[in-house]
Amino acid sequence: MLTAVGPRLRKIRKERGATLAGLSAATGISVSTLSRLESGGRKPSLELLLPIARAHQVPLDELVGAPPVGDPRVRAKPIVRYGRTMVPLTRQPGGLQAYKVIEPTRSIEPDPRTHEGYEWLYVLSGRLRLVLAEHDVVLGAGEAAEFDTRVPHWFGSTGEGPVEFLSLFGPQGERMHVRARPAAKRDPED
């Protein structure tokens, strides 16, 4: 990448109709140093490139040919299974997996299953029915549950409306750890 800096410097200077002497006067860098930079005889440094970028009024990235920054958005492809939409939030296979799950409004008879792993659920909106062994609970927005998936379990819509939730699943039984500040001690006289 640095080998292309010299020709790029020359090209930008010529496009602007500048001479080495004019650029030298604008930057305080000697004509011989500028010439060696353009020919590749001198390695570019920040202390040389910054004044040149200022003089040409171009970003430093343009001088060094930095690649453009890619789009930081994650564009996960939703997975639809049995009417449930799951948006993967992790990219690497194996290990801990995270999903945003959208469950439509529907009434389904729970069919608890078991498998290896550990799961953590957090409800974003709506109400999520969770059947875990002999427990049958409804979680609302802001509530979470965690469980060993070797215990018979099922979760889905309550039938009252759609539900959106986050699911973190560790296939090898990894447990999730939530770090929270300890509750402030209360004054017994309050």
N, C-alpha and C. Protein backbone atom coordinates (compact mmCIF):
# COMPACT_ATOMS: atom_id res chain seq x y z
N MET A 1 0.83 -1.18 0.00
CA MET A 1 0.00 0.00 0.00
C MET A 1 0.88 1.26 0.00
N LEU A 2 1.97 1.27 0.80
CA LEU A 2 2.83 2.45 0.85
C LEU A 2 3.57 2.68 -0.46
N THR A 3 3.79 1.63 -1.26
CA THR A 3 4.51 1.80 -2.53
C THR A 3 3.71 2.63 -3.51
N ALA A 4 2.40 2.66 -3.37
CA ALA A 4 1.55 3.42 -4.29
C ALA A 4 1.40 4.89 -3.87
N VAL A 5 1.93 5.26 -2.70
CA VAL A 5 1.76 6.63 -2.21
C VAL A 5 2.48 7.63 -3.12
N GLY A 6 3.72 7.33 -3.50
CA GLY A 6 4.50 8.26 -4.34
C GLY A 6 3.78 8.64 -5.62
N PRO A 7 3.40 7.65 -6.46
CA PRO A 7 2.67 7.99 -7.68
C PRO A 7 1.36 8.73 -7.41
N ARG A 8 0.68 8.41 -6.30
CA ARG A 8 -0.56 9.08 -5.96
C ARG A 8 -0.28 10.56 -5.62
N LEU A 9 0.82 10.82 -4.87
CA LEU A 9 1.19 12.19 -4.53
C LEU A 9 1.46 13.01 -5.79
N ARG A 10 2.21 12.41 -6.73
CA ARG A 10 2.53 13.10 -7.99
C ARG A 10 1.25 13.40 -8.76
N LYS A 11 0.37 12.41 -8.85
CA LYS A 11 -0.88 12.56 -9.60
C LYS A 11 -1.73 13.69 -9.02
N ILE A 12 -1.89 13.70 -7.70
CA ILE A 12 -2.71 14.74 -7.06
C ILE A 12 -2.09 16.11 -7.28
N ARG A 13 -0.76 16.19 -7.14
CA ARG A 13 -0.09 17.48 -7.34
C ARG A 13 -0.30 17.99 -8.76
N LYS A 14 -0.15 17.10 -9.76
CA LYS A 14 -0.28 17.51 -11.16
C LYS A 14 -1.74 17.88 -11.48
N GLU A 15 -2.70 17.12 -10.91
CA GLU A 15 -4.12 17.44 -11.13
C GLU A 15 -4.45 18.85 -10.64
N ARG A 16 -3.75 19.29 -9.61
CA ARG A 16 -4.00 20.62 -9.05
C ARG A 16 -3.13 21.69 -9.69
N GLY A 17 -2.30 21.28 -10.63
CA GLY A 17 -1.44 22.23 -11.34
C GLY A 17 -0.35 22.83 -10.47
N ALA A 18 0.04 22.12 -9.42
CA ALA A 18 1.07 22.61 -8.50
C ALA A 18 2.45 22.14 -8.95
N THR A 19 3.45 22.92 -8.64
CA THR A 19 4.84 22.53 -8.90
C THR A 19 5.44 22.07 -7.59
N LEU A 20 6.56 21.37 -7.68
CA LEU A 20 7.25 20.96 -6.46
C LEU A 20 7.65 22.18 -5.64
N ALA A 21 8.10 23.24 -6.31
CA ALA A 21 8.51 24.46 -5.61
C ALA A 21 7.31 25.10 -4.90
N GLY A 22 6.17 25.15 -5.56
CA GLY A 22 4.97 25.72 -4.96
C GLY A 22 4.50 24.90 -3.76
N LEU A 23 4.54 23.58 -3.90
CA LEU A 23 4.13 22.70 -2.81
C LEU A 23 5.11 22.84 -1.64
N SER A 24 6.39 22.98 -1.96
CA SER A 24 7.41 23.16 -0.93
C SER A 24 7.12 24.44 -0.14
N ALA A 25 6.78 25.52 -0.83
CA ALA A 25 6.47 26.78 -0.16
C ALA A 25 5.23 26.66 0.73
N ALA A 26 4.23 25.88 0.27
CA ALA A 26 2.99 25.73 1.02
C ALA A 26 3.13 24.81 2.24
N THR A 27 4.06 23.85 2.17
CA THR A 27 4.17 22.85 3.23
C THR A 27 5.39 23.03 4.13
N GLY A 28 6.41 23.72 3.64
CA GLY A 28 7.66 23.82 4.40
C GLY A 28 8.54 22.60 4.25
N ILE A 29 8.19 21.72 3.31
CA ILE A 29 8.98 20.51 3.03
C ILE A 29 9.86 20.83 1.83
N SER A 30 11.12 20.42 1.90
CA SER A 30 12.06 20.76 0.81
C SER A 30 11.64 20.10 -0.50
N VAL A 31 12.03 20.74 -1.62
CA VAL A 31 11.73 20.22 -2.95
C VAL A 31 12.33 18.83 -3.11
N SER A 32 13.56 18.63 -2.62
CA SER A 32 14.20 17.32 -2.78
C SER A 32 13.44 16.24 -2.01
N THR A 33 12.94 16.55 -0.82
CA THR A 33 12.16 15.56 -0.05
C THR A 33 10.86 15.25 -0.77
N LEU A 34 10.19 16.26 -1.28
CA LEU A 34 8.95 16.03 -2.02
C LEU A 34 9.21 15.17 -3.25
N SER A 35 10.31 15.45 -3.96
CA SER A 35 10.66 14.68 -5.15
C SER A 35 10.93 13.22 -4.79
N ARG A 36 11.67 13.01 -3.69
CA ARG A 36 11.96 11.62 -3.27
C ARG A 36 10.70 10.90 -2.80
N LEU A 37 9.77 11.62 -2.17
CA LEU A 37 8.49 11.01 -1.78
C LEU A 37 7.73 10.53 -3.02
N GLU A 38 7.66 11.39 -4.04
CA GLU A 38 6.93 11.05 -5.26
C GLU A 38 7.57 9.91 -6.03
N SER A 39 8.90 9.83 -5.99
CA SER A 39 9.59 8.77 -6.74
C SER A 39 9.71 7.47 -5.96
N GLY A 40 9.34 7.51 -4.67
CA GLY A 40 9.44 6.31 -3.85
C GLY A 40 10.79 6.18 -3.18
N GLY A 41 11.66 7.18 -3.33
CA GLY A 41 12.98 7.16 -2.71
C GLY A 41 12.94 7.50 -1.22
N ARG A 42 11.84 7.98 -0.74
CA ARG A 42 11.68 8.31 0.68
C ARG A 42 10.36 7.75 1.16
N LYS A 43 10.39 7.09 2.33
CA LYS A 43 9.16 6.51 2.88
C LYS A 43 8.27 7.64 3.41
N PRO A 44 6.99 7.57 3.12
CA PRO A 44 6.08 8.60 3.63
C PRO A 44 5.88 8.44 5.14
N SER A 45 5.76 9.55 5.82
CA SER A 45 5.47 9.55 7.26
C SER A 45 4.33 10.54 7.49
N LEU A 46 3.72 10.43 8.65
CA LEU A 46 2.62 11.34 8.96
C LEU A 46 3.08 12.79 8.97
N GLU A 47 4.28 13.04 9.50
CA GLU A 47 4.74 14.44 9.57
C GLU A 47 4.97 15.04 8.19
N LEU A 48 5.16 14.19 7.17
CA LEU A 48 5.28 14.68 5.80
C LEU A 48 3.92 14.71 5.09
N LEU A 49 3.12 13.70 5.32
CA LEU A 49 1.85 13.58 4.59
C LEU A 49 0.78 14.57 5.07
N LEU A 50 0.74 14.85 6.36
CA LEU A 50 -0.29 15.76 6.87
C LEU A 50 -0.21 17.16 6.24
N PRO A 51 0.98 17.78 6.16
CA PRO A 51 1.02 19.10 5.51
C PRO A 51 0.68 19.04 4.02
N ILE A 52 1.05 17.93 3.36
CA ILE A 52 0.73 17.78 1.93
C ILE A 52 -0.78 17.66 1.76
N ALA A 53 -1.42 16.87 2.61
CA ALA A 53 -2.88 16.72 2.54
C ALA A 53 -3.56 18.07 2.77
N ARG A 54 -3.07 18.83 3.74
CA ARG A 54 -3.64 20.16 4.01
C ARG A 54 -3.46 21.08 2.81
N ALA A 55 -2.26 21.06 2.23
CA ALA A 55 -1.98 21.94 1.09
C ALA A 55 -2.88 21.60 -0.10
N HIS A 56 -3.12 20.32 -0.34
CA HIS A 56 -3.97 19.90 -1.47
C HIS A 56 -5.45 19.89 -1.10
N GLN A 57 -5.74 20.09 0.18
CA GLN A 57 -7.11 20.05 0.70
C GLN A 57 -7.80 18.73 0.35
N VAL A 58 -7.10 17.63 0.69
CA VAL A 58 -7.65 16.28 0.50
C VAL A 58 -7.50 15.52 1.81
N PRO A 59 -8.37 14.56 2.06
CA PRO A 59 -8.20 13.74 3.26
C PRO A 59 -6.93 12.90 3.16
N LEU A 60 -6.33 12.64 4.30
CA LEU A 60 -5.12 11.81 4.35
C LEU A 60 -5.37 10.44 3.72
N ASP A 61 -6.57 9.90 3.92
CA ASP A 61 -6.92 8.59 3.32
C ASP A 61 -6.74 8.60 1.81
N GLU A 62 -7.04 9.73 1.18
CA GLU A 62 -6.90 9.81 -0.28
C GLU A 62 -5.43 9.77 -0.69
N LEU A 63 -4.57 10.37 0.11
CA LEU A 63 -3.13 10.35 -0.21
C LEU A 63 -2.55 8.95 -0.10
N VAL A 64 -2.95 8.21 0.93
CA VAL A 64 -2.36 6.88 1.14
C VAL A 64 -3.17 5.76 0.48
N GLY A 65 -4.31 6.10 -0.08
CA GLY A 65 -5.12 5.08 -0.76
C GLY A 65 -5.75 4.10 0.19
N ALA A 66 -6.19 4.61 1.35
CA ALA A 66 -6.84 3.73 2.33
C ALA A 66 -8.12 3.17 1.72
N PRO A 67 -8.40 1.90 1.98
CA PRO A 67 -9.64 1.33 1.44
C PRO A 67 -10.84 1.99 2.11
N PRO A 68 -11.94 2.09 1.39
CA PRO A 68 -13.13 2.69 2.00
C PRO A 68 -13.62 1.83 3.16
N VAL A 69 -14.16 2.48 4.16
CA VAL A 69 -14.71 1.77 5.30
C VAL A 69 -16.00 1.10 4.85
N GLY A 70 -16.13 -0.16 5.17
CA GLY A 70 -17.32 -0.91 4.77
C GLY A 70 -18.54 -0.51 5.58
N ASP A 71 -19.66 -0.88 5.10
CA ASP A 71 -20.94 -0.63 5.77
C ASP A 71 -20.95 -1.44 7.06
N PRO A 72 -21.11 -0.80 8.23
CA PRO A 72 -21.04 -1.54 9.49
C PRO A 72 -22.32 -2.30 9.85
N ARG A 73 -23.37 -2.10 9.06
CA ARG A 73 -24.63 -2.76 9.40
C ARG A 73 -24.55 -4.26 9.15
N VAL A 74 -25.14 -5.00 10.05
CA VAL A 74 -25.23 -6.45 9.90
C VAL A 74 -26.50 -6.74 9.11
N ARG A 75 -26.35 -7.46 8.04
CA ARG A 75 -27.52 -7.77 7.20
C ARG A 75 -27.77 -9.28 7.27
N ALA A 76 -28.34 -9.67 8.39
CA ALA A 76 -28.62 -11.09 8.60
C ALA A 76 -29.88 -11.49 7.83
N LYS A 77 -29.83 -12.68 7.28
CA LYS A 77 -31.00 -13.18 6.57
C LYS A 77 -31.91 -13.90 7.57
N PRO A 78 -33.16 -13.44 7.64
CA PRO A 78 -34.09 -14.09 8.57
C PRO A 78 -34.34 -15.56 8.18
N ILE A 79 -34.53 -16.36 9.20
CA ILE A 79 -34.85 -17.78 9.02
C ILE A 79 -36.29 -17.96 9.48
N VAL A 80 -37.13 -18.52 8.64
CA VAL A 80 -38.52 -18.75 9.03
C VAL A 80 -38.73 -20.25 9.19
N ARG A 81 -39.11 -20.65 10.42
CA ARG A 81 -39.37 -22.06 10.72
C ARG A 81 -40.67 -22.17 11.47
N TYR A 82 -41.56 -22.97 10.94
CA TYR A 82 -42.84 -23.23 11.59
C TYR A 82 -43.57 -21.93 11.91
N GLY A 83 -43.48 -20.93 11.03
CA GLY A 83 -44.16 -19.66 11.22
C GLY A 83 -43.41 -18.67 12.10
N ARG A 84 -42.34 -19.08 12.73
CA ARG A 84 -41.54 -18.23 13.61
C ARG A 84 -40.38 -17.66 12.80
N THR A 85 -40.13 -16.34 12.91
CA THR A 85 -39.02 -15.71 12.21
C THR A 85 -37.87 -15.50 13.18
N MET A 86 -36.70 -16.00 12.81
CA MET A 86 -35.51 -15.87 13.65
C MET A 86 -34.45 -15.12 12.85
N VAL A 87 -33.95 -14.03 13.43
CA VAL A 87 -32.90 -13.24 12.79
C VAL A 87 -31.60 -13.51 13.55
N PRO A 88 -30.64 -14.20 12.90
CA PRO A 88 -29.38 -14.49 13.60
C PRO A 88 -28.60 -13.20 13.88
N LEU A 89 -28.11 -13.07 15.10
CA LEU A 89 -27.33 -11.89 15.48
C LEU A 89 -25.85 -12.22 15.63
N THR A 90 -25.51 -13.50 15.52
CA THR A 90 -24.11 -13.93 15.55
C THR A 90 -23.76 -14.47 14.18
N ARG A 91 -22.51 -14.30 13.79
CA ARG A 91 -22.10 -14.72 12.45
C ARG A 91 -21.33 -16.02 12.43
N GLN A 92 -20.60 -16.31 13.50
CA GLN A 92 -19.76 -17.49 13.49
C GLN A 92 -20.57 -18.74 13.85
N PRO A 93 -20.27 -19.84 13.20
CA PRO A 93 -20.98 -21.08 13.53
C PRO A 93 -20.46 -21.66 14.84
N GLY A 94 -21.30 -22.43 15.51
CA GLY A 94 -20.89 -23.08 16.75
C GLY A 94 -20.84 -22.09 17.90
N GLY A 95 -20.70 -22.61 19.09
CA GLY A 95 -20.61 -21.75 20.27
C GLY A 95 -21.92 -21.04 20.55
N LEU A 96 -21.83 -20.00 21.32
CA LEU A 96 -23.00 -19.24 21.72
C LEU A 96 -23.65 -18.57 20.51
N GLN A 97 -24.96 -18.72 20.38
CA GLN A 97 -25.70 -18.14 19.26
C GLN A 97 -26.76 -17.19 19.81
N ALA A 98 -26.95 -16.07 19.12
CA ALA A 98 -27.97 -15.09 19.52
C ALA A 98 -28.94 -14.88 18.37
N TYR A 99 -30.22 -14.78 18.70
CA TYR A 99 -31.27 -14.57 17.71
C TYR A 99 -32.27 -13.54 18.21
N LYS A 100 -32.81 -12.75 17.30
CA LYS A 100 -34.01 -11.98 17.59
C LYS A 100 -35.13 -12.82 16.99
N VAL A 101 -36.14 -13.11 17.79
CA VAL A 101 -37.22 -14.00 17.35
C VAL A 101 -38.53 -13.23 17.34
N ILE A 102 -39.27 -13.40 16.25
CA ILE A 102 -40.61 -12.81 16.13
C ILE A 102 -41.59 -13.96 15.99
N GLU A 103 -42.45 -14.07 16.98
CA GLU A 103 -43.46 -15.13 17.02
C GLU A 103 -44.82 -14.49 16.74
N PRO A 104 -45.52 -14.92 15.67
CA PRO A 104 -46.82 -14.32 15.36
C PRO A 104 -47.88 -14.72 16.38
N THR A 105 -48.99 -14.03 16.34
CA THR A 105 -50.12 -14.38 17.21
C THR A 105 -50.66 -15.72 16.75
N ARG A 106 -50.67 -16.68 17.65
CA ARG A 106 -51.26 -17.98 17.34
C ARG A 106 -51.39 -18.79 18.62
N SER A 107 -52.33 -19.70 18.61
CA SER A 107 -52.53 -20.58 19.75
C SER A 107 -52.07 -21.97 19.34
N ILE A 108 -51.03 -22.43 19.98
CA ILE A 108 -50.48 -23.75 19.68
C ILE A 108 -50.41 -24.53 20.97
N GLU A 109 -50.75 -25.80 20.89
CA GLU A 109 -50.64 -26.67 22.06
C GLU A 109 -49.14 -26.92 22.31
N PRO A 110 -48.65 -26.60 23.52
CA PRO A 110 -47.23 -26.80 23.81
C PRO A 110 -46.82 -28.26 23.62
N ASP A 111 -45.65 -28.44 23.05
CA ASP A 111 -45.07 -29.77 22.83
C ASP A 111 -43.62 -29.71 23.33
N PRO A 112 -43.43 -29.80 24.67
CA PRO A 112 -42.08 -29.66 25.23
C PRO A 112 -41.09 -30.67 24.66
N ARG A 113 -39.88 -30.18 24.43
CA ARG A 113 -38.79 -30.99 23.88
C ARG A 113 -37.55 -30.81 24.76
N THR A 114 -36.57 -31.66 24.56
CA THR A 114 -35.29 -31.55 25.25
C THR A 114 -34.16 -31.67 24.24
N HIS A 115 -33.04 -31.07 24.56
CA HIS A 115 -31.82 -31.19 23.75
C HIS A 115 -30.67 -30.64 24.58
N GLU A 116 -29.46 -30.88 24.14
CA GLU A 116 -28.28 -30.36 24.83
C GLU A 116 -28.24 -28.85 24.72
N GLY A 117 -27.80 -28.19 25.77
CA GLY A 117 -27.58 -26.75 25.69
C GLY A 117 -28.16 -26.01 26.86
N TYR A 118 -28.07 -24.69 26.75
CA TYR A 118 -28.56 -23.79 27.78
C TYR A 118 -29.13 -22.58 27.04
N GLU A 119 -30.30 -22.11 27.46
CA GLU A 119 -30.95 -21.01 26.75
C GLU A 119 -31.31 -19.88 27.70
N TRP A 120 -31.22 -18.67 27.15
CA TRP A 120 -31.60 -17.46 27.88
C TRP A 120 -32.54 -16.68 26.97
N LEU A 121 -33.70 -16.28 27.48
CA LEU A 121 -34.71 -15.55 26.70
C LEU A 121 -34.95 -14.19 27.34
N TYR A 122 -35.10 -13.17 26.51
CA TYR A 122 -35.41 -11.82 26.99
C TYR A 122 -36.52 -11.26 26.10
N VAL A 123 -37.65 -10.90 26.69
CA VAL A 123 -38.81 -10.42 25.93
C VAL A 123 -38.66 -8.93 25.64
N LEU A 124 -38.71 -8.58 24.35
CA LEU A 124 -38.63 -7.19 23.90
C LEU A 124 -40.01 -6.54 23.89
N SER A 125 -41.00 -7.26 23.34
CA SER A 125 -42.37 -6.75 23.30
C SER A 125 -43.33 -7.92 23.23
N GLY A 126 -44.54 -7.69 23.70
CA GLY A 126 -45.55 -8.76 23.70
C GLY A 126 -45.41 -9.64 24.94
N ARG A 127 -46.03 -10.80 24.85
CA ARG A 127 -46.01 -11.76 25.98
C ARG A 127 -45.60 -13.12 25.45
N LEU A 128 -44.65 -13.74 26.13
CA LEU A 128 -44.10 -15.04 25.72
C LEU A 128 -44.51 -16.10 26.73
N ARG A 129 -45.12 -17.16 26.24
CA ARG A 129 -45.47 -18.29 27.12
C ARG A 129 -44.30 -19.25 27.14
N LEU A 130 -43.90 -19.63 28.35
CA LEU A 130 -42.79 -20.57 28.53
C LEU A 130 -43.28 -21.74 29.37
N VAL A 131 -43.19 -22.93 28.80
CA VAL A 131 -43.49 -24.15 29.55
C VAL A 131 -42.15 -24.81 29.81
N LEU A 132 -41.83 -24.98 31.11
CA LEU A 132 -40.55 -25.55 31.51
C LEU A 132 -40.83 -26.58 32.60
N ALA A 133 -40.72 -27.85 32.23
CA ALA A 133 -41.08 -28.96 33.12
C ALA A 133 -42.52 -28.74 33.59
N GLU A 134 -42.74 -28.63 34.91
CA GLU A 134 -44.12 -28.45 35.41
C GLU A 134 -44.54 -26.98 35.48
N HIS A 135 -43.65 -26.07 35.13
CA HIS A 135 -43.97 -24.63 35.18
C HIS A 135 -44.56 -24.16 33.85
N ASP A 136 -45.59 -23.32 33.94
CA ASP A 136 -46.21 -22.71 32.77
C ASP A 136 -46.32 -21.23 33.11
N VAL A 137 -45.41 -20.41 32.56
CA VAL A 137 -45.36 -19.00 32.92
C VAL A 137 -45.48 -18.12 31.68
N VAL A 138 -45.88 -16.87 31.91
CA VAL A 138 -45.95 -15.88 30.85
C VAL A 138 -44.98 -14.77 31.21
N LEU A 139 -44.08 -14.45 30.26
CA LEU A 139 -43.10 -13.39 30.45
C LEU A 139 -43.54 -12.17 29.65
N GLY A 140 -43.46 -11.00 30.26
CA GLY A 140 -43.79 -9.75 29.58
C GLY A 140 -42.53 -9.02 29.16
N ALA A 141 -42.72 -7.90 28.47
CA ALA A 141 -41.60 -7.09 28.00
C ALA A 141 -40.67 -6.74 29.16
N GLY A 142 -39.38 -6.94 28.95
CA GLY A 142 -38.38 -6.65 29.97
C GLY A 142 -38.08 -7.81 30.90
N GLU A 143 -38.81 -8.91 30.77
CA GLU A 143 -38.55 -10.06 31.63
C GLU A 143 -37.67 -11.07 30.90
N ALA A 144 -36.92 -11.85 31.70
CA ALA A 144 -36.00 -12.82 31.13
C ALA A 144 -36.16 -14.16 31.85
N ALA A 145 -35.73 -15.21 31.18
CA ALA A 145 -35.72 -16.55 31.76
C ALA A 145 -34.48 -17.26 31.24
N GLU A 146 -33.93 -18.14 32.05
CA GLU A 146 -32.82 -18.97 31.60
C GLU A 146 -33.03 -20.38 32.10
N PHE A 147 -32.59 -21.35 31.29
CA PHE A 147 -32.82 -22.73 31.67
C PHE A 147 -31.91 -23.68 30.90
N ASP A 148 -31.73 -24.84 31.49
CA ASP A 148 -30.99 -25.92 30.88
C ASP A 148 -31.95 -26.59 29.88
N THR A 149 -31.56 -26.70 28.63
CA THR A 149 -32.47 -27.23 27.61
C THR A 149 -32.64 -28.76 27.68
N ARG A 150 -31.97 -29.40 28.63
CA ARG A 150 -32.22 -30.83 28.85
C ARG A 150 -33.49 -31.03 29.66
N VAL A 151 -34.02 -29.92 30.21
CA VAL A 151 -35.31 -29.95 30.90
C VAL A 151 -36.38 -29.76 29.82
N PRO A 152 -37.44 -30.57 29.82
CA PRO A 152 -38.48 -30.40 28.79
C PRO A 152 -38.99 -28.95 28.78
N HIS A 153 -38.98 -28.35 27.58
CA HIS A 153 -39.36 -26.94 27.47
C HIS A 153 -40.05 -26.66 26.14
N TRP A 154 -40.81 -25.56 26.14
CA TRP A 154 -41.48 -25.05 24.95
C TRP A 154 -41.74 -23.58 25.19
N PHE A 155 -41.65 -22.76 24.15
CA PHE A 155 -42.03 -21.36 24.28
C PHE A 155 -42.66 -20.88 22.99
N GLY A 156 -43.58 -19.93 23.13
CA GLY A 156 -44.28 -19.40 21.97
C GLY A 156 -45.27 -18.33 22.37
N SER A 157 -46.12 -17.97 21.44
CA SER A 157 -47.12 -16.94 21.63
C SER A 157 -48.16 -17.37 22.66
N THR A 158 -48.70 -16.39 23.38
CA THR A 158 -49.80 -16.67 24.31
C THR A 158 -51.12 -16.76 23.56
N GLY A 159 -51.12 -16.37 22.28
CA GLY A 159 -52.34 -16.34 21.50
C GLY A 159 -53.03 -14.99 21.57
N GLU A 160 -52.47 -14.07 22.40
CA GLU A 160 -53.08 -12.74 22.58
C GLU A 160 -52.45 -11.70 21.65
N GLY A 161 -51.36 -12.00 21.03
CA GLY A 161 -50.68 -11.04 20.16
C GLY A 161 -49.28 -11.55 19.85
N PRO A 162 -48.61 -10.89 18.92
CA PRO A 162 -47.25 -11.32 18.57
C PRO A 162 -46.28 -11.02 19.72
N VAL A 163 -45.16 -11.68 19.71
CA VAL A 163 -44.13 -11.45 20.72
C VAL A 163 -42.77 -11.41 20.03
N GLU A 164 -41.93 -10.46 20.47
CA GLU A 164 -40.56 -10.36 19.97
C GLU A 164 -39.64 -10.57 21.16
N PHE A 165 -38.64 -11.43 20.98
CA PHE A 165 -37.72 -11.69 22.09
C PHE A 165 -36.34 -12.04 21.56
N LEU A 166 -35.37 -11.93 22.45
CA LEU A 166 -34.00 -12.32 22.14
C LEU A 166 -33.77 -13.70 22.73
N SER A 167 -33.07 -14.52 21.98
CA SER A 167 -32.73 -15.86 22.45
C SER A 167 -31.22 -16.02 22.34
N LEU A 168 -30.60 -16.37 23.46
CA LEU A 168 -29.17 -16.70 23.47
C LEU A 168 -29.09 -18.18 23.79
N PHE A 169 -28.44 -18.92 22.92
CA PHE A 169 -28.39 -20.37 23.08
C PHE A 169 -26.96 -20.86 23.00
N GLY A 170 -26.58 -21.65 24.00
CA GLY A 170 -25.27 -22.29 24.00
C GLY A 170 -25.45 -23.78 23.82
N PRO A 171 -25.05 -24.32 22.67
CA PRO A 171 -25.28 -25.75 22.41
C PRO A 171 -24.51 -26.67 23.34
N GLN A 172 -23.42 -26.20 23.93
CA GLN A 172 -22.63 -27.06 24.80
C GLN A 172 -22.91 -26.78 26.27
N GLY A 173 -23.99 -26.06 26.53
CA GLY A 173 -24.36 -25.80 27.91
C GLY A 173 -23.73 -24.54 28.48
N GLU A 174 -23.19 -23.66 27.61
CA GLU A 174 -22.63 -22.42 28.11
C GLU A 174 -23.73 -21.63 28.82
N ARG A 175 -23.41 -21.07 29.94
CA ARG A 175 -24.38 -20.27 30.68
C ARG A 175 -24.15 -18.80 30.40
N MET A 176 -25.22 -18.04 30.40
CA MET A 176 -25.13 -16.61 30.20
C MET A 176 -24.87 -15.97 31.56
N HIS A 177 -24.13 -14.90 31.58
CA HIS A 177 -23.87 -14.17 32.82
C HIS A 177 -24.28 -12.72 32.62
N VAL A 178 -25.19 -12.27 33.46
CA VAL A 178 -25.63 -10.89 33.40
C VAL A 178 -24.90 -10.14 34.50
N ARG A 179 -24.18 -9.10 34.11
CA ARG A 179 -23.47 -8.30 35.10
C ARG A 179 -24.35 -7.10 35.43
N ALA A 180 -24.59 -6.93 36.72
CA ALA A 180 -25.41 -5.81 37.16
C ALA A 180 -24.79 -5.21 38.41
N ARG A 181 -25.04 -3.93 38.60
CA ARG A 181 -24.56 -3.27 39.80
C ARG A 181 -25.34 -3.80 40.99
N PRO A 182 -24.68 -4.02 42.13
CA PRO A 182 -25.44 -4.48 43.31
C PRO A 182 -26.42 -3.41 43.75
N ALA A 183 -27.53 -3.87 44.28
CA ALA A 183 -28.54 -2.93 44.75
C ALA A 183 -27.97 -2.09 45.87
N ALA A 184 -28.32 -0.82 45.89
CA ALA A 184 -27.85 0.08 46.94
C ALA A 184 -28.46 -0.36 48.27
N LYS A 185 -27.65 -0.27 49.31
CA LYS A 185 -28.16 -0.65 50.63
C LYS A 185 -29.18 0.40 51.07
N ARG A 186 -30.26 -0.05 51.60
CA ARG A 186 -31.31 0.85 52.05
C ARG A 186 -31.11 1.19 53.52
N ASP A 187 -31.45 2.41 53.86
CA ASP A 187 -31.39 2.86 55.24
C ASP A 187 -32.57 2.23 55.97
N PRO A 188 -32.35 1.50 57.08
CA PRO A 188 -33.46 0.82 57.77
C PRO A 188 -34.53 1.78 58.28
N GLU A 189 -34.22 3.08 58.36
CA GLU A 189 -35.20 4.04 58.85
C GLU A 189 -36.10 4.55 57.73
N ASP A 190 -35.86 4.16 56.45
CA ASP A 190 -36.70 4.61 55.33
C ASP A 190 -38.04 3.95 55.36
